Amino acid sequence: MKEEGFDISRKKTQSTWDLFKEGRFYNYIITVCDRAHEKECPLFPRPYVQLNWPFPDPESFTGTDEEKLEQTRSLRDSIKARIEQFVKETADL
């Protein structure tokens, strides 16, 4: 992400339950779990539109460090493209 201008090195994973307790509600929930792990994706209180975009888990990448890095970059770019598509689709809603 740093290559894209985002420093997430100090970011931590947040619990969906903690976000709910803070009073955060969302119109869309997008999970990126692959189908094999979809049941493990976090749950949010309704109402919302839930979308599942199955992407591979980076922990499953194999090969040399350089090959894993290239797979990670490809995944990042795929997620970015899907987000851009989503923004275009929902811009007029």
Foldseek 3Di string as FASTA:
>chain_A
DVVVVDDCVPPDDDALVVCVVVVDDDQEAEAADAPVCVVVDDDHDDDHHYHYRHDDDLVPDDDDPVSSVVVVVVSVVVVVVVVVVVCVVPVVD
